[in-house]
Amino acid sequence: MGMFEFDRLRCEATLPDEAANSLEFQTKDLERRLDTYTISKEGRLTGPAGDIAYHGYLNFYAADVSGRWYEYRAKFTDGRLVHIEKSSRDSRGYPAAIAEEAPDTEKVCARAEIVKHYHGHEVRAFIPAGLWEEHPFPWRFTVRTPTGELHRFTGIPNQCQSARSALGRGWWRAKWLADGSFGDRYR
C-alpha cells in the first residue's frame, strides 16, 4: 500500500450514469500511489505496468462540477470486467461507503453497534447500514472526546474484520487523544 490516499481511475466502459462517463474517478482499492488506471472498453484493467489480472470488486467514485456524487462497484473475474453497478446507498441517499461521514447527522444507522469507554473517551464500533453482506472488513469505529469532538476512523486502513479489532484500534486512538500524541501520529 502506498503512502497516498487513492489512485485515479478512468472508465472507458459504459457506466450506469451517462453523465459520469467523462469523469476521472478515485479508488482506494488499488496501490494508493496516485497512479492512473483505466477500465478499457474491452473490460480490461490497465495501470502503469500494463494489464492487471484483477479479481474481485473495485469501488470507485467521483463528483461532477455541480457536486453530484457518483459511486460504482466493478466486478472483475480473472482480469475481465463482468459488470459495473451503482454502489448501494443508505436510506438518506448517501453512498454506503461514506454513509458514516454524512454531514447532516452524527449517528449513523448501523446493523451492529458496540459502545465502550476508554481513557475517558467513548469508542463506538459499528457495521454501517447498507454495507454489502459479504464485505470482508465490515467494522468501523469512531472516538468521541470528553469535550464532544468526534473522530471518524472509517477509511480503508481502519476497516476491521471484527468488533474486537475495531474496539482495539479505538482503544489506541483514545489513548493517543488522551495523552496528546494523536497529532504526532495523524498529521
N, C-alpha and C. Protein backbone atom coordinates (compact mmCIF):
# COMPACT_ATOMS: atom_id res chain seq x y z
N MET A 1 0.85 -1.17 0.00
CA MET A 1 0.00 0.00 0.00
C MET A 1 0.89 1.23 0.00
N GLY A 2 0.54 2.20 -0.80
CA GLY A 2 1.33 3.41 -0.91
C GLY A 2 1.07 4.38 0.22
N MET A 3 1.80 5.49 0.17
CA MET A 3 1.67 6.48 1.24
C MET A 3 0.58 7.51 0.96
N PHE A 4 -0.02 7.45 -0.24
CA PHE A 4 -1.06 8.39 -0.59
C PHE A 4 -2.42 7.80 -0.26
N GLU A 5 -3.45 8.57 -0.51
CA GLU A 5 -4.79 8.15 -0.11
C GLU A 5 -5.57 7.41 -1.19
N PHE A 6 -5.19 7.56 -2.48
CA PHE A 6 -6.02 6.98 -3.53
C PHE A 6 -5.23 6.88 -4.83
N ASP A 7 -5.84 6.23 -5.81
CA ASP A 7 -5.36 6.22 -7.19
C ASP A 7 -6.46 6.82 -8.05
N ARG A 8 -6.09 7.29 -9.23
CA ARG A 8 -7.06 7.82 -10.19
C ARG A 8 -7.52 6.70 -11.12
N LEU A 9 -8.74 6.81 -11.59
CA LEU A 9 -9.29 5.77 -12.47
C LEU A 9 -10.10 6.42 -13.58
N ARG A 10 -9.83 6.01 -14.81
CA ARG A 10 -10.64 6.41 -15.95
C ARG A 10 -11.44 5.19 -16.37
N CYS A 11 -12.68 5.43 -16.73
CA CYS A 11 -13.53 4.31 -17.13
C CYS A 11 -14.03 4.53 -18.55
N GLU A 12 -13.50 3.72 -19.48
CA GLU A 12 -13.95 3.77 -20.87
C GLU A 12 -15.16 2.86 -21.09
N ALA A 13 -15.36 1.91 -20.19
CA ALA A 13 -16.53 1.02 -20.25
C ALA A 13 -17.77 1.84 -19.93
N THR A 14 -18.92 1.37 -20.37
CA THR A 14 -20.18 2.07 -20.14
C THR A 14 -20.56 2.05 -18.66
N LEU A 15 -20.89 3.22 -18.15
CA LEU A 15 -21.32 3.36 -16.76
C LEU A 15 -22.84 3.46 -16.68
N PRO A 16 -23.42 3.13 -15.52
CA PRO A 16 -24.88 3.24 -15.37
C PRO A 16 -25.42 4.66 -15.58
N ASP A 17 -24.59 5.68 -15.28
CA ASP A 17 -25.00 7.07 -15.46
C ASP A 17 -24.18 7.65 -16.61
N GLU A 18 -24.84 7.99 -17.70
CA GLU A 18 -24.13 8.51 -18.87
C GLU A 18 -23.35 9.78 -18.53
N ALA A 19 -23.89 10.61 -17.64
CA ALA A 19 -23.24 11.87 -17.27
C ALA A 19 -21.88 11.65 -16.60
N ALA A 20 -21.62 10.46 -16.07
CA ALA A 20 -20.38 10.19 -15.36
C ALA A 20 -19.27 9.68 -16.27
N ASN A 21 -19.58 9.39 -17.53
CA ASN A 21 -18.59 8.79 -18.43
C ASN A 21 -17.33 9.62 -18.63
N SER A 22 -17.41 10.93 -18.50
CA SER A 22 -16.24 11.78 -18.74
C SER A 22 -15.46 12.11 -17.47
N LEU A 23 -15.91 11.64 -16.32
CA LEU A 23 -15.26 11.98 -15.05
C LEU A 23 -14.00 11.15 -14.80
N GLU A 24 -13.07 11.75 -14.05
CA GLU A 24 -11.93 10.99 -13.55
C GLU A 24 -12.29 10.58 -12.12
N PHE A 25 -12.21 9.29 -11.85
CA PHE A 25 -12.63 8.74 -10.57
C PHE A 25 -11.43 8.54 -9.65
N GLN A 26 -11.74 8.27 -8.39
CA GLN A 26 -10.74 7.88 -7.42
C GLN A 26 -11.11 6.50 -6.89
N THR A 27 -10.10 5.75 -6.47
CA THR A 27 -10.32 4.46 -5.83
C THR A 27 -9.28 4.26 -4.73
N LYS A 28 -9.67 3.58 -3.70
CA LYS A 28 -8.75 3.21 -2.63
C LYS A 28 -8.51 1.70 -2.62
N ASP A 29 -8.95 1.03 -3.69
CA ASP A 29 -8.87 -0.42 -3.75
C ASP A 29 -7.62 -0.94 -4.46
N LEU A 30 -6.75 -0.05 -4.93
CA LEU A 30 -5.55 -0.49 -5.63
C LEU A 30 -4.32 -0.12 -4.80
N GLU A 31 -3.25 0.36 -5.41
CA GLU A 31 -2.00 0.61 -4.69
C GLU A 31 -1.97 1.90 -3.87
N ARG A 32 -2.83 2.84 -4.19
CA ARG A 32 -2.90 4.13 -3.49
C ARG A 32 -1.58 4.89 -3.57
N ARG A 33 -1.08 5.04 -4.82
CA ARG A 33 0.17 5.77 -5.07
C ARG A 33 -0.05 6.93 -6.04
N LEU A 34 -1.30 7.37 -6.19
CA LEU A 34 -1.68 8.44 -7.11
C LEU A 34 -1.40 8.06 -8.56
N ASP A 35 -1.37 6.75 -8.84
CA ASP A 35 -1.22 6.27 -10.21
C ASP A 35 -2.56 6.39 -10.93
N THR A 36 -2.51 6.33 -12.26
CA THR A 36 -3.74 6.36 -13.06
C THR A 36 -3.97 4.99 -13.67
N TYR A 37 -5.18 4.48 -13.48
CA TYR A 37 -5.61 3.20 -14.02
C TYR A 37 -6.77 3.44 -14.98
N THR A 38 -7.02 2.48 -15.86
CA THR A 38 -8.11 2.60 -16.83
C THR A 38 -8.86 1.28 -16.91
N ILE A 39 -10.19 1.38 -16.92
CA ILE A 39 -11.03 0.24 -17.28
C ILE A 39 -11.35 0.46 -18.75
N SER A 40 -10.80 -0.39 -19.63
CA SER A 40 -10.95 -0.20 -21.07
C SER A 40 -12.34 -0.59 -21.56
N LYS A 41 -12.66 -0.18 -22.79
CA LYS A 41 -13.93 -0.56 -23.40
C LYS A 41 -14.04 -2.08 -23.52
N GLU A 42 -12.89 -2.73 -23.63
CA GLU A 42 -12.86 -4.19 -23.75
C GLU A 42 -12.98 -4.90 -22.40
N GLY A 43 -13.02 -4.12 -21.31
CA GLY A 43 -13.20 -4.71 -19.99
C GLY A 43 -11.93 -5.15 -19.30
N ARG A 44 -10.79 -4.56 -19.66
CA ARG A 44 -9.52 -4.88 -19.02
C ARG A 44 -9.16 -3.72 -18.09
N LEU A 45 -8.51 -4.03 -16.98
CA LEU A 45 -7.98 -3.01 -16.08
C LEU A 45 -6.50 -2.86 -16.39
N THR A 46 -6.09 -1.64 -16.73
CA THR A 46 -4.68 -1.38 -17.01
C THR A 46 -4.16 -0.32 -16.07
N GLY A 47 -2.87 -0.41 -15.78
CA GLY A 47 -2.22 0.53 -14.89
C GLY A 47 -0.86 0.91 -15.44
N PRO A 48 -0.01 1.50 -14.62
CA PRO A 48 1.31 1.94 -15.07
C PRO A 48 2.16 0.81 -15.65
N ALA A 49 1.95 -0.42 -15.19
CA ALA A 49 2.76 -1.55 -15.67
C ALA A 49 2.04 -2.39 -16.71
N GLY A 50 0.91 -1.93 -17.23
CA GLY A 50 0.16 -2.68 -18.24
C GLY A 50 -1.09 -3.32 -17.67
N ASP A 51 -1.54 -4.41 -18.30
CA ASP A 51 -2.75 -5.11 -17.88
C ASP A 51 -2.60 -5.68 -16.47
N ILE A 52 -3.71 -5.65 -15.73
CA ILE A 52 -3.75 -6.18 -14.37
C ILE A 52 -4.78 -7.30 -14.34
N ALA A 53 -4.40 -8.44 -13.84
CA ALA A 53 -5.33 -9.59 -13.74
C ALA A 53 -6.11 -9.46 -12.44
N TYR A 54 -6.95 -8.42 -12.36
CA TYR A 54 -7.70 -8.12 -11.14
C TYR A 54 -8.85 -9.12 -10.99
N HIS A 55 -9.07 -9.55 -9.76
CA HIS A 55 -10.16 -10.47 -9.47
C HIS A 55 -10.87 -9.97 -8.21
N GLY A 56 -12.15 -9.65 -8.34
CA GLY A 56 -12.91 -9.15 -7.20
C GLY A 56 -13.61 -7.85 -7.54
N TYR A 57 -13.99 -7.12 -6.50
CA TYR A 57 -14.71 -5.86 -6.68
C TYR A 57 -13.76 -4.68 -6.60
N LEU A 58 -13.98 -3.70 -7.45
CA LEU A 58 -13.22 -2.47 -7.46
C LEU A 58 -14.21 -1.33 -7.28
N ASN A 59 -14.11 -0.62 -6.18
CA ASN A 59 -15.00 0.50 -5.89
C ASN A 59 -14.34 1.79 -6.36
N PHE A 60 -15.12 2.67 -6.99
CA PHE A 60 -14.57 3.95 -7.43
C PHE A 60 -15.67 5.00 -7.39
N TYR A 61 -15.27 6.26 -7.28
CA TYR A 61 -16.21 7.34 -7.03
C TYR A 61 -15.67 8.66 -7.55
N ALA A 62 -16.58 9.61 -7.76
CA ALA A 62 -16.23 10.96 -8.21
C ALA A 62 -17.43 11.87 -8.00
N ALA A 63 -17.17 13.16 -8.04
CA ALA A 63 -18.23 14.16 -8.01
C ALA A 63 -18.05 15.05 -9.24
N ASP A 64 -19.16 15.45 -9.85
CA ASP A 64 -19.05 16.35 -11.00
C ASP A 64 -18.95 17.80 -10.52
N VAL A 65 -18.88 18.75 -11.44
CA VAL A 65 -18.68 20.15 -11.07
C VAL A 65 -19.84 20.71 -10.26
N SER A 66 -21.01 20.13 -10.37
CA SER A 66 -22.16 20.60 -9.60
C SER A 66 -22.21 19.96 -8.20
N GLY A 67 -21.29 19.01 -7.95
CA GLY A 67 -21.26 18.34 -6.65
C GLY A 67 -22.03 17.03 -6.61
N ARG A 68 -22.62 16.62 -7.73
CA ARG A 68 -23.35 15.35 -7.75
C ARG A 68 -22.36 14.20 -7.59
N TRP A 69 -22.69 13.30 -6.69
CA TRP A 69 -21.82 12.19 -6.33
C TRP A 69 -22.15 10.95 -7.16
N TYR A 70 -21.11 10.30 -7.68
CA TYR A 70 -21.25 9.05 -8.42
C TYR A 70 -20.34 8.02 -7.75
N GLU A 71 -20.89 6.87 -7.47
CA GLU A 71 -20.09 5.80 -6.87
C GLU A 71 -20.49 4.47 -7.49
N TYR A 72 -19.48 3.71 -7.91
CA TYR A 72 -19.72 2.46 -8.62
C TYR A 72 -18.88 1.33 -8.03
N ARG A 73 -19.30 0.13 -8.39
CA ARG A 73 -18.61 -1.09 -7.99
C ARG A 73 -18.47 -1.95 -9.24
N ALA A 74 -17.22 -2.19 -9.65
CA ALA A 74 -16.95 -3.02 -10.84
C ALA A 74 -16.53 -4.40 -10.38
N LYS A 75 -17.12 -5.41 -10.97
CA LYS A 75 -16.75 -6.79 -10.64
C LYS A 75 -15.86 -7.34 -11.75
N PHE A 76 -14.68 -7.82 -11.35
CA PHE A 76 -13.74 -8.44 -12.27
C PHE A 76 -13.59 -9.91 -11.91
N THR A 77 -13.54 -10.76 -12.92
CA THR A 77 -13.26 -12.18 -12.74
C THR A 77 -12.12 -12.54 -13.67
N ASP A 78 -11.04 -13.03 -13.09
CA ASP A 78 -9.85 -13.43 -13.86
C ASP A 78 -9.40 -12.34 -14.82
N GLY A 79 -9.38 -11.11 -14.36
CA GLY A 79 -8.89 -10.00 -15.16
C GLY A 79 -9.87 -9.41 -16.14
N ARG A 80 -11.08 -9.90 -16.17
CA ARG A 80 -12.10 -9.41 -17.11
C ARG A 80 -13.24 -8.74 -16.35
N LEU A 81 -13.69 -7.60 -16.87
CA LEU A 81 -14.83 -6.91 -16.28
C LEU A 81 -16.09 -7.73 -16.52
N VAL A 82 -16.81 -8.02 -15.44
CA VAL A 82 -18.08 -8.74 -15.54
C VAL A 82 -19.22 -7.73 -15.66
N HIS A 83 -19.26 -6.76 -14.76
CA HIS A 83 -20.26 -5.71 -14.82
C HIS A 83 -19.87 -4.56 -13.90
N ILE A 84 -20.51 -3.42 -14.13
CA ILE A 84 -20.36 -2.24 -13.26
C ILE A 84 -21.74 -1.90 -12.77
N GLU A 85 -21.87 -1.71 -11.46
CA GLU A 85 -23.16 -1.36 -10.88
C GLU A 85 -23.00 -0.13 -9.99
N LYS A 86 -24.11 0.55 -9.78
CA LYS A 86 -24.10 1.66 -8.82
C LYS A 86 -23.87 1.08 -7.44
N SER A 87 -23.10 1.80 -6.65
CA SER A 87 -22.89 1.36 -5.28
C SER A 87 -24.18 1.56 -4.50
N SER A 88 -24.47 0.67 -3.57
CA SER A 88 -25.70 0.80 -2.79
C SER A 88 -25.65 2.06 -1.94
N ARG A 89 -26.82 2.58 -1.66
CA ARG A 89 -26.93 3.80 -0.85
C ARG A 89 -27.78 3.54 0.36
N ASP A 90 -27.52 4.32 1.40
CA ASP A 90 -28.33 4.14 2.61
C ASP A 90 -29.66 4.87 2.45
N SER A 91 -30.49 4.84 3.46
CA SER A 91 -31.85 5.39 3.36
C SER A 91 -31.87 6.90 3.13
N ARG A 92 -30.78 7.59 3.43
CA ARG A 92 -30.73 9.04 3.23
C ARG A 92 -30.17 9.40 1.86
N GLY A 93 -29.78 8.40 1.07
CA GLY A 93 -29.23 8.67 -0.25
C GLY A 93 -27.73 8.79 -0.29
N TYR A 94 -27.05 8.60 0.83
CA TYR A 94 -25.60 8.66 0.84
C TYR A 94 -25.01 7.33 0.40
N PRO A 95 -23.88 7.35 -0.33
CA PRO A 95 -23.24 6.09 -0.68
C PRO A 95 -22.90 5.31 0.58
N ALA A 96 -23.09 4.01 0.55
CA ALA A 96 -22.85 3.18 1.73
C ALA A 96 -21.43 3.32 2.24
N ALA A 97 -20.47 3.46 1.33
CA ALA A 97 -19.07 3.52 1.74
C ALA A 97 -18.75 4.77 2.55
N ILE A 98 -19.55 5.85 2.40
CA ILE A 98 -19.27 7.05 3.17
C ILE A 98 -20.45 7.46 4.04
N ALA A 99 -21.40 6.59 4.23
CA ALA A 99 -22.61 6.94 4.98
C ALA A 99 -22.28 7.43 6.37
N GLU A 100 -21.24 6.84 7.00
CA GLU A 100 -20.91 7.25 8.36
C GLU A 100 -20.32 8.65 8.43
N GLU A 101 -19.98 9.26 7.28
CA GLU A 101 -19.43 10.59 7.27
C GLU A 101 -20.44 11.63 6.78
N ALA A 102 -21.70 11.26 6.70
CA ALA A 102 -22.73 12.16 6.21
C ALA A 102 -22.79 13.41 7.08
N PRO A 103 -22.83 14.61 6.47
CA PRO A 103 -22.72 15.84 7.23
C PRO A 103 -23.94 16.21 8.06
N ASP A 104 -25.12 15.71 7.74
CA ASP A 104 -26.31 16.18 8.43
C ASP A 104 -26.70 15.34 9.65
N THR A 105 -25.89 14.40 10.02
CA THR A 105 -26.24 13.57 11.16
C THR A 105 -24.99 13.12 11.87
N GLU A 106 -25.10 12.90 13.14
CA GLU A 106 -23.95 12.44 13.90
C GLU A 106 -24.02 10.96 14.15
N LYS A 107 -25.21 10.42 14.20
CA LYS A 107 -25.37 9.00 14.47
C LYS A 107 -25.80 8.31 13.18
N VAL A 108 -25.13 7.24 12.88
CA VAL A 108 -25.40 6.51 11.66
C VAL A 108 -26.25 5.31 11.98
N CYS A 109 -27.18 5.03 11.11
CA CYS A 109 -27.96 3.81 11.25
C CYS A 109 -27.01 2.64 11.04
N ALA A 110 -26.89 1.77 12.01
CA ALA A 110 -25.93 0.68 11.94
C ALA A 110 -26.63 -0.65 12.10
N ARG A 111 -26.10 -1.67 11.41
CA ARG A 111 -26.62 -3.03 11.57
C ARG A 111 -26.19 -3.61 12.90
N ALA A 112 -25.02 -3.22 13.37
CA ALA A 112 -24.50 -3.70 14.65
C ALA A 112 -23.70 -2.58 15.28
N GLU A 113 -23.70 -2.52 16.59
CA GLU A 113 -23.01 -1.42 17.27
C GLU A 113 -22.61 -1.83 18.68
N ILE A 114 -21.40 -1.44 19.09
CA ILE A 114 -20.91 -1.66 20.44
C ILE A 114 -20.26 -0.36 20.90
N VAL A 115 -20.58 0.08 22.10
CA VAL A 115 -20.01 1.31 22.64
C VAL A 115 -19.26 0.98 23.93
N LYS A 116 -18.02 1.42 24.03
CA LYS A 116 -17.18 1.24 25.22
C LYS A 116 -16.55 2.58 25.57
N HIS A 117 -16.06 2.69 26.79
CA HIS A 117 -15.36 3.90 27.22
C HIS A 117 -13.94 3.56 27.64
N TYR A 118 -12.97 4.24 27.00
CA TYR A 118 -11.55 4.03 27.28
C TYR A 118 -10.89 5.39 27.46
N HIS A 119 -10.07 5.52 28.48
CA HIS A 119 -9.30 6.75 28.71
C HIS A 119 -10.20 7.98 28.72
N GLY A 120 -11.42 7.84 29.20
CA GLY A 120 -12.35 8.95 29.25
C GLY A 120 -13.02 9.28 27.92
N HIS A 121 -12.79 8.48 26.90
CA HIS A 121 -13.34 8.70 25.57
C HIS A 121 -14.34 7.59 25.24
N GLU A 122 -15.35 7.96 24.46
CA GLU A 122 -16.33 6.97 24.01
C GLU A 122 -15.87 6.39 22.67
N VAL A 123 -15.73 5.07 22.62
CA VAL A 123 -15.35 4.38 21.38
C VAL A 123 -16.57 3.61 20.90
N ARG A 124 -16.94 3.86 19.66
CA ARG A 124 -18.11 3.21 19.07
C ARG A 124 -17.65 2.37 17.87
N ALA A 125 -17.84 1.05 17.95
CA ALA A 125 -17.56 0.14 16.83
C ALA A 125 -18.90 -0.21 16.20
N PHE A 126 -18.95 -0.22 14.86
CA PHE A 126 -20.23 -0.45 14.20
C PHE A 126 -20.03 -0.99 12.79
N ILE A 127 -21.08 -1.62 12.29
CA ILE A 127 -21.16 -2.01 10.88
C ILE A 127 -22.20 -1.07 10.27
N PRO A 128 -21.80 -0.25 9.30
CA PRO A 128 -22.76 0.69 8.71
C PRO A 128 -23.91 -0.02 7.99
N ALA A 129 -25.08 0.56 8.10
CA ALA A 129 -26.22 0.06 7.34
C ALA A 129 -25.92 0.26 5.86
N GLY A 130 -26.36 -0.65 5.04
CA GLY A 130 -26.16 -0.52 3.61
C GLY A 130 -24.88 -1.14 3.11
N LEU A 131 -23.98 -1.54 4.01
CA LEU A 131 -22.74 -2.18 3.59
C LEU A 131 -23.07 -3.59 3.12
N TRP A 132 -22.52 -3.99 1.99
CA TRP A 132 -22.88 -5.29 1.45
C TRP A 132 -22.47 -6.40 2.41
N GLU A 133 -23.29 -7.43 2.45
CA GLU A 133 -23.17 -8.51 3.44
C GLU A 133 -21.83 -9.22 3.40
N GLU A 134 -21.23 -9.38 2.22
CA GLU A 134 -20.00 -10.15 2.10
C GLU A 134 -18.75 -9.34 2.36
N HIS A 135 -18.87 -8.10 2.80
CA HIS A 135 -17.68 -7.26 2.99
C HIS A 135 -16.73 -7.94 3.98
N PRO A 136 -15.45 -8.13 3.60
CA PRO A 136 -14.53 -8.87 4.47
C PRO A 136 -14.13 -8.11 5.73
N PHE A 137 -14.22 -6.78 5.72
CA PHE A 137 -13.84 -5.97 6.87
C PHE A 137 -14.96 -4.97 7.16
N PRO A 138 -16.08 -5.44 7.73
CA PRO A 138 -17.26 -4.58 7.84
C PRO A 138 -17.22 -3.58 9.00
N TRP A 139 -16.39 -3.79 10.02
CA TRP A 139 -16.44 -2.97 11.22
C TRP A 139 -15.67 -1.66 11.03
N ARG A 140 -16.28 -0.55 11.49
CA ARG A 140 -15.67 0.79 11.51
C ARG A 140 -15.70 1.26 12.96
N PHE A 141 -15.05 2.39 13.25
CA PHE A 141 -15.14 2.90 14.61
C PHE A 141 -14.98 4.42 14.65
N THR A 142 -15.55 5.00 15.71
CA THR A 142 -15.40 6.43 15.98
C THR A 142 -14.95 6.59 17.42
N VAL A 143 -14.33 7.74 17.70
CA VAL A 143 -13.92 8.06 19.07
C VAL A 143 -14.42 9.46 19.37
N ARG A 144 -15.17 9.60 20.47
CA ARG A 144 -15.66 10.91 20.91
C ARG A 144 -14.88 11.32 22.18
N THR A 145 -14.30 12.51 22.13
CA THR A 145 -13.53 13.01 23.28
C THR A 145 -14.48 13.49 24.37
N PRO A 146 -13.98 13.70 25.58
CA PRO A 146 -14.84 14.22 26.66
C PRO A 146 -15.46 15.58 26.33
N THR A 147 -14.82 16.35 25.44
CA THR A 147 -15.37 17.66 25.06
C THR A 147 -16.39 17.55 23.94
N GLY A 148 -16.64 16.33 23.44
CA GLY A 148 -17.65 16.11 22.41
C GLY A 148 -17.12 16.08 20.99
N GLU A 149 -15.82 16.26 20.80
CA GLU A 149 -15.24 16.22 19.46
C GLU A 149 -15.28 14.78 18.94
N LEU A 150 -15.79 14.61 17.71
CA LEU A 150 -15.95 13.29 17.13
C LEU A 150 -14.86 13.04 16.10
N HIS A 151 -14.15 11.92 16.25
CA HIS A 151 -13.13 11.49 15.28
C HIS A 151 -13.65 10.23 14.61
N ARG A 152 -13.74 10.27 13.26
CA ARG A 152 -14.23 9.12 12.50
C ARG A 152 -13.05 8.38 11.89
N PHE A 153 -12.99 7.08 12.09
CA PHE A 153 -11.95 6.25 11.52
C PHE A 153 -12.65 5.22 10.64
N THR A 154 -12.91 5.60 9.41
CA THR A 154 -13.71 4.76 8.53
C THR A 154 -13.03 4.44 7.22
N GLY A 155 -11.85 4.99 6.98
CA GLY A 155 -11.14 4.73 5.73
C GLY A 155 -10.63 3.30 5.67
N ILE A 156 -10.14 2.92 4.53
CA ILE A 156 -9.71 1.54 4.30
C ILE A 156 -8.71 1.05 5.34
N PRO A 157 -7.70 1.82 5.76
CA PRO A 157 -6.76 1.29 6.75
C PRO A 157 -7.41 1.00 8.12
N ASN A 158 -8.56 1.60 8.38
CA ASN A 158 -9.21 1.41 9.67
C ASN A 158 -10.44 0.51 9.61
N GLN A 159 -10.65 -0.17 8.51
CA GLN A 159 -11.75 -1.12 8.43
C GLN A 159 -11.29 -2.42 9.08
N CYS A 160 -12.15 -3.00 9.89
CA CYS A 160 -11.75 -4.15 10.70
C CYS A 160 -12.65 -5.36 10.43
N GLN A 161 -12.07 -6.54 10.66
CA GLN A 161 -12.80 -7.78 10.42
C GLN A 161 -13.75 -8.12 11.56
N SER A 162 -13.45 -7.64 12.77
CA SER A 162 -14.29 -8.00 13.91
C SER A 162 -14.52 -6.79 14.81
N ALA A 163 -15.53 -6.89 15.65
CA ALA A 163 -15.80 -5.83 16.63
C ALA A 163 -14.62 -5.70 17.59
N ARG A 164 -14.04 -6.81 17.97
CA ARG A 164 -12.89 -6.79 18.88
C ARG A 164 -11.73 -5.99 18.28
N SER A 165 -11.45 -6.21 17.00
CA SER A 165 -10.39 -5.48 16.33
C SER A 165 -10.70 -3.98 16.25
N ALA A 166 -11.94 -3.63 15.92
CA ALA A 166 -12.34 -2.22 15.85
C ALA A 166 -12.23 -1.55 17.21
N LEU A 167 -12.67 -2.24 18.25
CA LEU A 167 -12.55 -1.68 19.60
C LEU A 167 -11.09 -1.56 20.03
N GLY A 168 -10.26 -2.51 19.63
CA GLY A 168 -8.83 -2.44 19.94
C GLY A 168 -8.17 -1.24 19.29
N ARG A 169 -8.48 -1.01 18.03
CA ARG A 169 -7.93 0.16 17.35
C ARG A 169 -8.47 1.45 17.98
N GLY A 170 -9.76 1.41 18.34
CA GLY A 170 -10.35 2.57 19.01
C GLY A 170 -9.68 2.85 20.34
N TRP A 171 -9.29 1.78 21.07
CA TRP A 171 -8.60 1.94 22.35
C TRP A 171 -7.31 2.72 22.15
N TRP A 172 -6.53 2.38 21.12
CA TRP A 172 -5.28 3.09 20.85
C TRP A 172 -5.54 4.53 20.46
N ARG A 173 -6.53 4.78 19.61
CA ARG A 173 -6.82 6.17 19.22
C ARG A 173 -7.24 6.99 20.44
N ALA A 174 -8.06 6.39 21.32
CA ALA A 174 -8.47 7.08 22.55
C ALA A 174 -7.26 7.37 23.43
N LYS A 175 -6.35 6.42 23.55
CA LYS A 175 -5.13 6.61 24.36
C LYS A 175 -4.31 7.77 23.80
N TRP A 176 -4.12 7.79 22.46
CA TRP A 176 -3.33 8.86 21.84
C TRP A 176 -4.01 10.21 21.99
N LEU A 177 -5.33 10.25 21.92
CA LEU A 177 -6.05 11.51 22.14
C LEU A 177 -5.90 11.96 23.59
N ALA A 178 -5.96 11.01 24.52
CA ALA A 178 -5.86 11.34 25.94
C ALA A 178 -4.47 11.82 26.32
N ASP A 179 -3.42 11.19 25.76
CA ASP A 179 -2.05 11.57 26.17
C ASP A 179 -1.45 12.67 25.29
N GLY A 180 -2.22 13.15 24.30
CA GLY A 180 -1.77 14.27 23.48
C GLY A 180 -0.87 13.88 22.32
N SER A 181 -0.66 12.61 22.08
CA SER A 181 0.24 12.20 20.99
C SER A 181 -0.50 11.93 19.67
N PHE A 182 -1.82 12.10 19.66
CA PHE A 182 -2.60 11.82 18.46
C PHE A 182 -2.14 12.68 17.28
N GLY A 183 -1.89 13.95 17.50
CA GLY A 183 -1.47 14.85 16.43
C GLY A 183 -0.13 14.46 15.83
N ASP A 184 0.73 13.82 16.61
CA ASP A 184 2.01 13.35 16.09
C ASP A 184 1.83 12.15 15.17
N ARG A 185 0.78 11.40 15.39
CA ARG A 185 0.54 10.18 14.61
C ARG A 185 -0.34 10.44 13.38
N TYR A 186 -1.25 11.43 13.46
CA TYR A 186 -2.14 11.77 12.36
C TYR A 186 -1.97 13.23 12.00
N ARG A 187 -1.20 13.48 10.98
CA ARG A 187 -0.97 14.88 10.55
C ARG A 187 -1.76 15.16 9.31
